[in-house]
Amino acid sequence: SSGINAEYGGVSDDVKQFHLPLEDYLIGLLFMCSELARFAVNRVTAKDYTTPLKIASFVKELESGFRLLNLKNDFLRKRYDTLKYDVKKIEEVVYDLTLRGLNGS
């Protein structure tokens, strides 16, 4: 089966590697994007106006990668649809910063 083989340090050798199914990895990326959308809003609240710009760039790049995939898993497809709303939410934050002259340009 396709997936991601991961390796990490700081643990005993018998549990140092694990296999993560590809669909689980992709779902994790999509959940991360939802959290980043919330984080972008929270950063503006904390008067950090540069982090949302970086988040917008990262999430848009991820979204463009997901567009290339043929998503057959129903849950994965629904999460991808949610990503579109997350991108829109982040773009609205960046747009608001731009209107207020707070985007660092």
N, C-alpha and C. Protein backbone atom coordinates (compact mmCIF):
# COMPACT_ATOMS: atom_id res chain seq x y z
N SER A 1 0.84 -1.19 0.00
CA SER A 1 0.00 0.00 0.00
C SER A 1 0.88 1.24 0.00
N SER A 2 0.39 2.30 -0.61
CA SER A 2 1.19 3.52 -0.66
C SER A 2 1.08 4.24 0.67
N GLY A 3 2.14 4.91 1.01
CA GLY A 3 2.15 5.64 2.26
C GLY A 3 3.47 6.33 2.46
N ILE A 4 3.68 6.81 3.66
CA ILE A 4 4.87 7.54 4.03
C ILE A 4 5.59 6.73 5.09
N ASN A 5 6.87 6.47 4.89
CA ASN A 5 7.67 5.84 5.92
C ASN A 5 8.41 6.94 6.65
N ALA A 6 8.20 7.02 7.93
CA ALA A 6 8.79 8.10 8.71
C ALA A 6 9.81 7.55 9.70
N GLU A 7 10.79 8.38 9.99
CA GLU A 7 11.82 8.02 10.94
C GLU A 7 12.04 9.23 11.84
N TYR A 8 12.20 8.99 13.11
CA TYR A 8 12.45 10.10 14.02
C TYR A 8 13.37 9.66 15.13
N GLY A 9 14.06 10.62 15.72
CA GLY A 9 15.03 10.33 16.77
C GLY A 9 14.46 10.52 18.16
N GLY A 10 15.27 10.18 19.14
CA GLY A 10 14.87 10.40 20.53
C GLY A 10 14.06 9.28 21.14
N VAL A 11 13.88 8.18 20.43
CA VAL A 11 13.15 7.05 20.97
C VAL A 11 13.95 5.77 20.71
N SER A 12 13.56 4.69 21.35
CA SER A 12 14.30 3.44 21.17
C SER A 12 14.21 2.96 19.73
N ASP A 13 15.18 2.17 19.30
CA ASP A 13 15.26 1.73 17.91
C ASP A 13 14.07 0.91 17.45
N ASP A 14 13.42 0.18 18.35
CA ASP A 14 12.32 -0.68 17.92
C ASP A 14 11.06 0.10 17.54
N VAL A 15 10.95 1.36 17.93
CA VAL A 15 9.79 2.16 17.54
C VAL A 15 10.22 3.42 16.77
N LYS A 16 11.39 3.40 16.22
CA LYS A 16 11.94 4.58 15.56
C LYS A 16 11.30 4.83 14.19
N GLN A 17 10.75 3.82 13.55
CA GLN A 17 10.14 3.98 12.24
C GLN A 17 8.67 3.57 12.31
N PHE A 18 7.88 4.20 11.47
CA PHE A 18 6.49 3.81 11.36
C PHE A 18 6.00 4.10 9.95
N HIS A 19 4.92 3.46 9.57
CA HIS A 19 4.32 3.66 8.25
C HIS A 19 3.02 4.43 8.43
N LEU A 20 2.86 5.47 7.65
CA LEU A 20 1.65 6.28 7.70
C LEU A 20 0.98 6.19 6.32
N PRO A 21 -0.23 5.67 6.27
CA PRO A 21 -0.93 5.59 4.97
C PRO A 21 -1.03 6.98 4.32
N LEU A 22 -0.88 7.03 3.02
CA LEU A 22 -0.88 8.29 2.28
C LEU A 22 -2.14 9.11 2.54
N GLU A 23 -3.30 8.47 2.56
CA GLU A 23 -4.54 9.20 2.80
C GLU A 23 -4.54 9.85 4.19
N ASP A 24 -4.01 9.15 5.19
CA ASP A 24 -3.93 9.73 6.53
C ASP A 24 -3.01 10.94 6.56
N TYR A 25 -1.90 10.86 5.83
CA TYR A 25 -0.96 11.98 5.74
C TYR A 25 -1.64 13.19 5.10
N LEU A 26 -2.35 12.96 4.00
CA LEU A 26 -3.03 14.05 3.30
C LEU A 26 -4.13 14.68 4.17
N ILE A 27 -4.86 13.84 4.88
CA ILE A 27 -5.90 14.34 5.78
C ILE A 27 -5.26 15.19 6.88
N GLY A 28 -4.12 14.75 7.37
CA GLY A 28 -3.40 15.53 8.38
C GLY A 28 -3.00 16.90 7.86
N LEU A 29 -2.53 16.96 6.61
CA LEU A 29 -2.18 18.24 6.01
C LEU A 29 -3.40 19.16 5.91
N LEU A 30 -4.54 18.57 5.55
CA LEU A 30 -5.76 19.37 5.43
C LEU A 30 -6.24 19.90 6.78
N PHE A 31 -6.14 19.06 7.81
CA PHE A 31 -6.50 19.53 9.15
C PHE A 31 -5.55 20.64 9.60
N MET A 32 -4.27 20.51 9.26
CA MET A 32 -3.29 21.53 9.62
C MET A 32 -3.66 22.87 8.97
N CYS A 33 -4.12 22.84 7.73
CA CYS A 33 -4.51 24.08 7.05
C CYS A 33 -5.67 24.77 7.77
N SER A 34 -6.61 23.99 8.28
CA SER A 34 -7.72 24.58 9.04
C SER A 34 -7.20 25.25 10.30
N GLU A 35 -6.25 24.62 10.95
CA GLU A 35 -5.66 25.22 12.15
C GLU A 35 -4.86 26.47 11.81
N LEU A 36 -4.17 26.45 10.66
CA LEU A 36 -3.41 27.62 10.25
C LEU A 36 -4.33 28.80 9.93
N ALA A 37 -5.52 28.53 9.41
CA ALA A 37 -6.48 29.60 9.15
C ALA A 37 -6.88 30.27 10.46
N ARG A 38 -7.13 29.48 11.47
CA ARG A 38 -7.47 30.03 12.79
C ARG A 38 -6.27 30.78 13.38
N PHE A 39 -5.09 30.20 13.19
CA PHE A 39 -3.87 30.81 13.72
C PHE A 39 -3.62 32.17 13.07
N ALA A 40 -3.90 32.30 11.77
CA ALA A 40 -3.70 33.57 11.08
C ALA A 40 -4.56 34.67 11.72
N VAL A 41 -5.80 34.35 12.01
CA VAL A 41 -6.69 35.32 12.66
C VAL A 41 -6.15 35.67 14.04
N ASN A 42 -5.71 34.68 14.79
CA ASN A 42 -5.18 34.92 16.13
C ASN A 42 -3.91 35.77 16.10
N ARG A 43 -3.08 35.60 15.09
CA ARG A 43 -1.85 36.39 14.98
C ARG A 43 -2.16 37.86 14.76
N VAL A 44 -3.20 38.14 13.96
CA VAL A 44 -3.59 39.53 13.74
C VAL A 44 -4.08 40.13 15.05
N THR A 45 -4.84 39.36 15.81
CA THR A 45 -5.33 39.82 17.11
C THR A 45 -4.16 40.18 18.02
N ALA A 46 -3.06 39.44 17.88
CA ALA A 46 -1.86 39.69 18.69
C ALA A 46 -0.94 40.73 18.05
N LYS A 47 -1.45 41.43 17.03
CA LYS A 47 -0.71 42.48 16.32
C LYS A 47 0.53 41.97 15.57
N ASP A 48 0.49 40.71 15.17
CA ASP A 48 1.53 40.12 14.32
C ASP A 48 0.95 40.11 12.91
N TYR A 49 1.45 40.99 12.06
CA TYR A 49 0.86 41.15 10.73
C TYR A 49 1.65 40.44 9.63
N THR A 50 2.80 39.88 9.95
CA THR A 50 3.59 39.20 8.92
C THR A 50 3.30 37.71 8.85
N THR A 51 3.00 37.07 9.97
CA THR A 51 2.73 35.63 9.97
C THR A 51 1.55 35.26 9.08
N PRO A 52 0.43 36.01 9.10
CA PRO A 52 -0.66 35.65 8.20
C PRO A 52 -0.26 35.67 6.72
N LEU A 53 0.65 36.53 6.34
CA LEU A 53 1.12 36.58 4.95
C LEU A 53 1.88 35.31 4.60
N LYS A 54 2.70 34.84 5.53
CA LYS A 54 3.45 33.60 5.32
C LYS A 54 2.51 32.40 5.28
N ILE A 55 1.53 32.41 6.17
CA ILE A 55 0.54 31.32 6.20
C ILE A 55 -0.23 31.30 4.88
N ALA A 56 -0.62 32.46 4.38
CA ALA A 56 -1.38 32.54 3.12
C ALA A 56 -0.58 31.93 1.98
N SER A 57 0.68 32.27 1.91
CA SER A 57 1.54 31.75 0.85
C SER A 57 1.66 30.23 0.94
N PHE A 58 1.90 29.72 2.14
CA PHE A 58 2.06 28.29 2.36
C PHE A 58 0.78 27.52 2.03
N VAL A 59 -0.35 28.00 2.52
CA VAL A 59 -1.61 27.29 2.33
C VAL A 59 -2.04 27.34 0.86
N LYS A 60 -1.79 28.44 0.18
CA LYS A 60 -2.12 28.52 -1.25
C LYS A 60 -1.27 27.53 -2.05
N GLU A 61 -0.02 27.40 -1.68
CA GLU A 61 0.85 26.44 -2.36
C GLU A 61 0.37 25.01 -2.13
N LEU A 62 0.00 24.71 -0.90
CA LEU A 62 -0.53 23.38 -0.59
C LEU A 62 -1.82 23.12 -1.36
N GLU A 63 -2.68 24.13 -1.41
CA GLU A 63 -3.96 23.98 -2.12
C GLU A 63 -3.72 23.72 -3.61
N SER A 64 -2.73 24.36 -4.18
CA SER A 64 -2.45 24.13 -5.60
C SER A 64 -1.95 22.70 -5.83
N GLY A 65 -1.23 22.15 -4.86
CA GLY A 65 -0.80 20.76 -4.95
C GLY A 65 -1.96 19.79 -4.86
N PHE A 66 -2.90 20.08 -3.97
CA PHE A 66 -4.08 19.22 -3.81
C PHE A 66 -4.94 19.24 -5.07
N ARG A 67 -4.95 20.37 -5.79
CA ARG A 67 -5.74 20.45 -7.02
C ARG A 67 -5.27 19.45 -8.07
N LEU A 68 -4.01 19.04 -7.99
CA LEU A 68 -3.46 18.10 -8.96
C LEU A 68 -3.88 16.65 -8.68
N LEU A 69 -4.39 16.41 -7.48
CA LEU A 69 -4.74 15.05 -7.08
C LEU A 69 -6.15 14.66 -7.52
N ASN A 70 -6.32 13.39 -7.80
CA ASN A 70 -7.65 12.84 -8.08
C ASN A 70 -8.13 12.20 -6.77
N LEU A 71 -8.86 12.94 -5.97
CA LEU A 71 -9.26 12.48 -4.65
C LEU A 71 -10.49 11.60 -4.73
N LYS A 72 -10.31 10.32 -4.41
CA LYS A 72 -11.42 9.36 -4.49
C LYS A 72 -12.03 9.07 -3.12
N ASN A 73 -11.27 9.25 -2.07
CA ASN A 73 -11.75 9.02 -0.71
C ASN A 73 -12.75 10.13 -0.37
N ASP A 74 -13.97 9.75 0.03
CA ASP A 74 -15.02 10.73 0.32
C ASP A 74 -14.61 11.71 1.42
N PHE A 75 -14.03 11.20 2.51
CA PHE A 75 -13.65 12.08 3.62
C PHE A 75 -12.55 13.03 3.17
N LEU A 76 -11.60 12.51 2.43
CA LEU A 76 -10.49 13.33 1.93
C LEU A 76 -11.03 14.42 0.99
N ARG A 77 -11.97 14.06 0.17
CA ARG A 77 -12.59 15.03 -0.76
C ARG A 77 -13.31 16.13 0.01
N LYS A 78 -14.03 15.77 1.07
CA LYS A 78 -14.74 16.76 1.89
C LYS A 78 -13.75 17.69 2.59
N ARG A 79 -12.67 17.11 3.09
CA ARG A 79 -11.64 17.94 3.74
C ARG A 79 -11.00 18.88 2.74
N TYR A 80 -10.81 18.43 1.51
CA TYR A 80 -10.26 19.30 0.47
C TYR A 80 -11.23 20.46 0.20
N ASP A 81 -12.52 20.17 0.18
CA ASP A 81 -13.50 21.24 0.00
C ASP A 81 -13.40 22.26 1.13
N THR A 82 -13.15 21.80 2.34
CA THR A 82 -12.96 22.68 3.48
C THR A 82 -11.71 23.54 3.28
N LEU A 83 -10.68 22.98 2.66
CA LEU A 83 -9.45 23.73 2.40
C LEU A 83 -9.75 24.98 1.57
N LYS A 84 -10.65 24.86 0.62
CA LYS A 84 -11.00 26.02 -0.21
C LYS A 84 -11.55 27.16 0.65
N TYR A 85 -12.36 26.82 1.66
CA TYR A 85 -12.89 27.83 2.57
C TYR A 85 -11.78 28.39 3.47
N ASP A 86 -10.86 27.53 3.87
CA ASP A 86 -9.73 28.00 4.68
C ASP A 86 -8.87 28.99 3.90
N VAL A 87 -8.63 28.69 2.63
CA VAL A 87 -7.85 29.61 1.78
C VAL A 87 -8.58 30.95 1.68
N LYS A 88 -9.89 30.89 1.47
CA LYS A 88 -10.69 32.12 1.38
C LYS A 88 -10.61 32.92 2.67
N LYS A 89 -10.70 32.24 3.80
CA LYS A 89 -10.63 32.90 5.11
C LYS A 89 -9.28 33.61 5.29
N ILE A 90 -8.21 32.93 4.93
CA ILE A 90 -6.87 33.51 5.06
C ILE A 90 -6.70 34.67 4.09
N GLU A 91 -7.21 34.53 2.87
CA GLU A 91 -7.13 35.62 1.89
C GLU A 91 -7.88 36.85 2.38
N GLU A 92 -9.00 36.65 3.07
CA GLU A 92 -9.75 37.78 3.63
C GLU A 92 -8.95 38.49 4.71
N VAL A 93 -8.21 37.73 5.52
CA VAL A 93 -7.35 38.33 6.54
C VAL A 93 -6.27 39.17 5.88
N VAL A 94 -5.62 38.61 4.86
CA VAL A 94 -4.55 39.32 4.16
C VAL A 94 -5.12 40.57 3.46
N TYR A 95 -6.28 40.44 2.85
CA TYR A 95 -6.92 41.58 2.19
C TYR A 95 -7.20 42.70 3.18
N ASP A 96 -7.72 42.32 4.34
CA ASP A 96 -8.00 43.31 5.39
C ASP A 96 -6.71 44.00 5.83
N LEU A 97 -5.65 43.24 6.00
CA LEU A 97 -4.36 43.84 6.38
C LEU A 97 -3.88 44.81 5.31
N THR A 98 -4.07 44.43 4.05
CA THR A 98 -3.66 45.29 2.94
C THR A 98 -4.45 46.60 2.93
N LEU A 99 -5.76 46.50 3.13
CA LEU A 99 -6.59 47.71 3.17
C LEU A 99 -6.17 48.65 4.29
N ARG A 100 -5.74 48.09 5.39
CA ARG A 100 -5.35 48.90 6.54
C ARG A 100 -3.89 49.32 6.49
N GLY A 101 -3.18 48.87 5.45
CA GLY A 101 -1.77 49.23 5.32
C GLY A 101 -0.88 48.52 6.33
N LEU A 102 -1.29 47.35 6.78
CA LEU A 102 -0.54 46.63 7.80
C LEU A 102 0.16 45.37 7.25
N ASN A 103 0.22 45.24 5.95
CA ASN A 103 0.77 44.02 5.38
C ASN A 103 2.28 44.07 5.15
N GLY A 104 2.93 45.09 5.61
CA GLY A 104 4.38 45.15 5.51
C GLY A 104 4.89 45.66 4.18
N SER A 105 4.00 46.00 3.23
CA SER A 105 4.46 46.53 1.93
C SER A 105 4.55 48.03 1.99
